[in-house]
N, C-alpha and C. Protein backbone atom coordinates (compact mmCIF):
# COMPACT_ATOMS: atom_id res chain seq x y z
N MET A 1 0.84 -1.18 0.00
CA MET A 1 0.00 0.00 0.00
C MET A 1 0.89 1.24 0.00
N PRO A 2 0.69 2.17 -0.93
CA PRO A 2 1.53 3.37 -0.99
C PRO A 2 1.26 4.30 0.18
N ASP A 3 2.28 5.12 0.49
CA ASP A 3 2.10 6.13 1.53
C ASP A 3 1.04 7.14 1.11
N ASN A 4 0.33 7.65 2.09
CA ASN A 4 -0.63 8.71 1.81
C ASN A 4 0.11 9.97 1.38
N CYS A 5 -0.54 10.77 0.56
CA CYS A 5 0.10 11.99 0.07
C CYS A 5 -0.11 13.14 1.05
N VAL A 6 0.72 14.13 0.93
CA VAL A 6 0.61 15.33 1.76
C VAL A 6 -0.43 16.24 1.12
N LEU A 7 -1.44 16.62 1.89
CA LEU A 7 -2.49 17.51 1.41
C LEU A 7 -2.58 18.75 2.27
N ILE A 8 -2.87 19.86 1.65
CA ILE A 8 -3.15 21.10 2.37
C ILE A 8 -4.67 21.23 2.43
N ILE A 9 -5.20 21.30 3.63
CA ILE A 9 -6.65 21.41 3.82
C ILE A 9 -6.92 22.76 4.48
N ARG A 10 -7.69 23.60 3.78
CA ARG A 10 -8.02 24.93 4.30
C ARG A 10 -9.49 24.97 4.67
N PHE A 11 -9.74 25.43 5.88
CA PHE A 11 -11.11 25.56 6.40
C PHE A 11 -11.42 27.04 6.52
N HIS A 12 -12.58 27.45 6.05
CA HIS A 12 -13.04 28.83 6.16
C HIS A 12 -14.31 28.82 7.01
N SER A 13 -14.29 29.53 8.12
CA SER A 13 -15.42 29.51 9.05
C SER A 13 -16.38 30.67 8.80
N LEU A 14 -17.52 30.62 9.47
CA LEU A 14 -18.54 31.66 9.35
C LEU A 14 -17.99 33.04 9.71
N ASN A 15 -17.10 33.10 10.68
CA ASN A 15 -16.58 34.40 11.11
C ASN A 15 -15.47 34.91 10.20
N GLY A 16 -15.16 34.18 9.13
CA GLY A 16 -14.18 34.65 8.15
C GLY A 16 -12.76 34.18 8.40
N GLU A 17 -12.54 33.44 9.46
CA GLU A 17 -11.19 32.95 9.77
C GLU A 17 -10.83 31.79 8.86
N ASP A 18 -9.60 31.78 8.38
CA ASP A 18 -9.07 30.67 7.58
C ASP A 18 -8.08 29.88 8.42
N ILE A 19 -8.23 28.56 8.39
CA ILE A 19 -7.33 27.68 9.10
C ILE A 19 -6.73 26.72 8.08
N SER A 20 -5.43 26.56 8.11
CA SER A 20 -4.74 25.68 7.18
C SER A 20 -4.12 24.52 7.93
N MET A 21 -4.39 23.29 7.47
CA MET A 21 -3.81 22.08 8.05
C MET A 21 -3.06 21.35 6.94
N ILE A 22 -1.93 20.77 7.29
CA ILE A 22 -1.19 19.91 6.38
C ILE A 22 -1.36 18.50 6.91
N SER A 23 -1.87 17.59 6.08
CA SER A 23 -2.24 16.27 6.56
C SER A 23 -1.77 15.16 5.63
N LYS A 24 -1.39 14.01 6.24
CA LYS A 24 -1.07 12.80 5.50
C LYS A 24 -2.09 11.71 5.84
N ASP A 25 -3.31 12.11 6.18
CA ASP A 25 -4.35 11.15 6.57
C ASP A 25 -5.08 10.53 5.38
N PHE A 26 -4.89 11.05 4.19
CA PHE A 26 -5.68 10.61 3.03
C PHE A 26 -4.77 10.20 1.89
N ASP A 27 -5.31 9.36 1.00
CA ASP A 27 -4.52 8.91 -0.14
C ASP A 27 -4.67 9.81 -1.36
N GLY A 28 -5.48 10.83 -1.26
CA GLY A 28 -5.64 11.78 -2.35
C GLY A 28 -6.72 12.80 -2.07
N GLU A 29 -6.84 13.77 -2.97
CA GLU A 29 -7.81 14.85 -2.80
C GLU A 29 -9.25 14.34 -2.76
N GLN A 30 -9.58 13.42 -3.65
CA GLN A 30 -10.95 12.92 -3.72
C GLN A 30 -11.35 12.20 -2.43
N GLY A 31 -10.45 11.36 -1.90
CA GLY A 31 -10.73 10.66 -0.65
C GLY A 31 -10.92 11.62 0.51
N ALA A 32 -10.10 12.65 0.56
CA ALA A 32 -10.22 13.66 1.62
C ALA A 32 -11.55 14.39 1.52
N LEU A 33 -11.93 14.78 0.30
CA LEU A 33 -13.20 15.48 0.12
C LEU A 33 -14.39 14.63 0.55
N GLU A 34 -14.34 13.33 0.24
CA GLU A 34 -15.44 12.44 0.62
C GLU A 34 -15.56 12.32 2.13
N VAL A 35 -14.42 12.16 2.82
CA VAL A 35 -14.45 12.05 4.28
C VAL A 35 -14.94 13.35 4.92
N ILE A 36 -14.43 14.48 4.45
CA ILE A 36 -14.83 15.78 5.01
C ILE A 36 -16.31 16.05 4.74
N ALA A 37 -16.77 15.77 3.51
CA ALA A 37 -18.18 15.99 3.19
C ALA A 37 -19.09 15.12 4.06
N ARG A 38 -18.69 13.87 4.28
CA ARG A 38 -19.49 12.98 5.14
C ARG A 38 -19.55 13.52 6.57
N ALA A 39 -18.41 13.99 7.09
CA ALA A 39 -18.38 14.57 8.45
C ALA A 39 -19.27 15.80 8.53
N LEU A 40 -19.24 16.64 7.50
CA LEU A 40 -20.10 17.83 7.48
C LEU A 40 -21.57 17.43 7.44
N ASP A 41 -21.92 16.47 6.57
CA ASP A 41 -23.31 16.01 6.46
C ASP A 41 -23.83 15.40 7.75
N GLU A 42 -22.96 14.67 8.44
CA GLU A 42 -23.35 13.99 9.68
C GLU A 42 -23.19 14.89 10.90
N GLN A 43 -22.79 16.13 10.69
CA GLN A 43 -22.60 17.13 11.75
C GLN A 43 -21.71 16.61 12.87
N ARG A 44 -20.57 16.09 12.47
CA ARG A 44 -19.61 15.60 13.47
C ARG A 44 -18.24 16.22 13.20
N SER A 45 -17.34 16.03 14.11
CA SER A 45 -15.98 16.58 13.98
C SER A 45 -15.16 15.74 13.01
N LEU A 46 -14.12 16.35 12.48
CA LEU A 46 -13.18 15.67 11.61
C LEU A 46 -11.95 15.34 12.46
N VAL A 47 -11.51 14.09 12.40
CA VAL A 47 -10.35 13.65 13.15
C VAL A 47 -9.21 13.38 12.18
N LEU A 48 -8.11 14.09 12.38
CA LEU A 48 -6.89 13.89 11.60
C LEU A 48 -5.83 13.35 12.54
N THR A 49 -5.20 12.25 12.19
CA THR A 49 -4.20 11.64 13.08
C THR A 49 -2.77 11.99 12.70
N ARG A 50 -2.57 12.47 11.48
CA ARG A 50 -1.23 12.81 11.00
C ARG A 50 -1.26 14.20 10.38
N ALA A 51 -1.40 15.22 11.23
CA ALA A 51 -1.61 16.58 10.72
C ALA A 51 -0.68 17.58 11.41
N ARG A 52 -0.48 18.70 10.69
CA ARG A 52 0.28 19.83 11.23
C ARG A 52 -0.55 21.08 11.00
N TYR A 53 -0.57 21.96 11.98
CA TYR A 53 -1.27 23.23 11.86
C TYR A 53 -0.38 24.21 11.13
N ASP A 54 -0.90 24.75 10.04
CA ASP A 54 -0.22 25.77 9.25
C ASP A 54 1.20 25.32 8.93
N ARG A 55 2.20 26.01 9.43
CA ARG A 55 3.60 25.70 9.09
C ARG A 55 4.37 25.05 10.24
N GLU A 56 3.68 24.52 11.24
CA GLU A 56 4.37 23.86 12.34
C GLU A 56 5.15 22.66 11.82
N THR A 57 6.19 22.28 12.52
CA THR A 57 7.03 21.16 12.08
C THR A 57 6.61 19.83 12.70
N GLU A 58 5.92 19.87 13.81
CA GLU A 58 5.54 18.66 14.54
C GLU A 58 4.19 18.13 14.05
N THR A 59 4.12 16.80 13.85
CA THR A 59 2.88 16.15 13.44
C THR A 59 2.10 15.73 14.69
N ASN A 60 0.80 15.99 14.68
CA ASN A 60 -0.06 15.69 15.82
C ASN A 60 -1.39 15.13 15.35
N GLY A 61 -2.15 14.62 16.30
CA GLY A 61 -3.55 14.31 16.06
C GLY A 61 -4.36 15.57 16.30
N VAL A 62 -5.37 15.80 15.47
CA VAL A 62 -6.15 17.03 15.56
C VAL A 62 -7.63 16.68 15.39
N VAL A 63 -8.48 17.27 16.22
CA VAL A 63 -9.92 17.17 16.07
C VAL A 63 -10.44 18.54 15.66
N ILE A 64 -11.15 18.59 14.54
CA ILE A 64 -11.65 19.86 14.02
C ILE A 64 -13.17 19.87 14.11
N ASN A 65 -13.71 20.83 14.86
CA ASN A 65 -15.15 21.01 14.96
C ASN A 65 -15.62 21.70 13.68
N LEU A 66 -16.43 21.02 12.89
CA LEU A 66 -16.87 21.55 11.60
C LEU A 66 -18.18 22.33 11.69
N ALA A 67 -18.67 22.60 12.90
CA ALA A 67 -19.97 23.24 13.08
C ALA A 67 -20.08 24.59 12.38
N ASN A 68 -19.04 25.38 12.38
CA ASN A 68 -19.10 26.71 11.79
C ASN A 68 -18.30 26.84 10.49
N VAL A 69 -17.91 25.71 9.91
CA VAL A 69 -17.15 25.73 8.67
C VAL A 69 -18.11 25.88 7.50
N VAL A 70 -17.80 26.84 6.61
CA VAL A 70 -18.66 27.06 5.44
C VAL A 70 -17.97 26.70 4.14
N LEU A 71 -16.65 26.53 4.17
CA LEU A 71 -15.91 26.25 2.95
C LEU A 71 -14.68 25.43 3.30
N VAL A 72 -14.39 24.42 2.48
CA VAL A 72 -13.19 23.61 2.66
C VAL A 72 -12.53 23.46 1.31
N ARG A 73 -11.22 23.64 1.28
CA ARG A 73 -10.46 23.42 0.06
C ARG A 73 -9.38 22.38 0.35
N VAL A 74 -9.23 21.42 -0.55
CA VAL A 74 -8.22 20.38 -0.42
C VAL A 74 -7.32 20.45 -1.64
N SER A 75 -6.03 20.47 -1.43
CA SER A 75 -5.09 20.59 -2.53
C SER A 75 -3.76 19.93 -2.20
N LYS A 76 -3.04 19.53 -3.22
CA LYS A 76 -1.68 19.02 -3.04
C LYS A 76 -0.67 20.16 -3.04
N THR A 77 -1.09 21.34 -3.47
CA THR A 77 -0.20 22.50 -3.50
C THR A 77 -0.80 23.63 -2.66
N ASP A 78 0.05 24.48 -2.15
CA ASP A 78 -0.40 25.59 -1.32
C ASP A 78 -0.49 26.85 -2.17
N SER A 79 -1.65 27.03 -2.80
CA SER A 79 -1.83 28.15 -3.71
C SER A 79 -3.26 28.64 -3.62
N ALA A 80 -3.47 29.92 -3.81
CA ALA A 80 -4.83 30.48 -3.76
C ALA A 80 -5.70 29.95 -4.90
N GLU A 81 -5.10 29.54 -6.00
CA GLU A 81 -5.87 29.08 -7.14
C GLU A 81 -6.11 27.56 -7.13
N ALA A 82 -5.36 26.84 -6.31
CA ALA A 82 -5.41 25.37 -6.34
C ALA A 82 -6.50 24.82 -5.43
N GLY A 83 -6.96 23.64 -5.74
CA GLY A 83 -7.83 22.90 -4.85
C GLY A 83 -9.27 22.87 -5.27
N GLN A 84 -10.00 21.96 -4.65
CA GLN A 84 -11.41 21.78 -4.89
C GLN A 84 -12.19 22.31 -3.70
N TYR A 85 -13.38 22.78 -3.95
CA TYR A 85 -14.20 23.33 -2.89
C TYR A 85 -15.41 22.45 -2.66
N LEU A 86 -15.83 22.34 -1.41
CA LEU A 86 -17.08 21.64 -1.07
C LEU A 86 -18.21 22.63 -1.14
């Protein structure tokens, strides 16, 4: 089984705050979008076990409350133009 790829996941909340996570929890953009969409639909938190907040160097487990998230972008590159939106 190949290693999961590094993805940049950006969350945009109702209050306008953007949060960026770097994660190796998924095998690709499509898989990440499906898991995140399911968590949003089921109104539950998203659990990432291999993630870094923004530019931190240490990998941690992270629980993200999706209650106030209005937009999510998943991309393999860190660019304003890249990624898919839910």
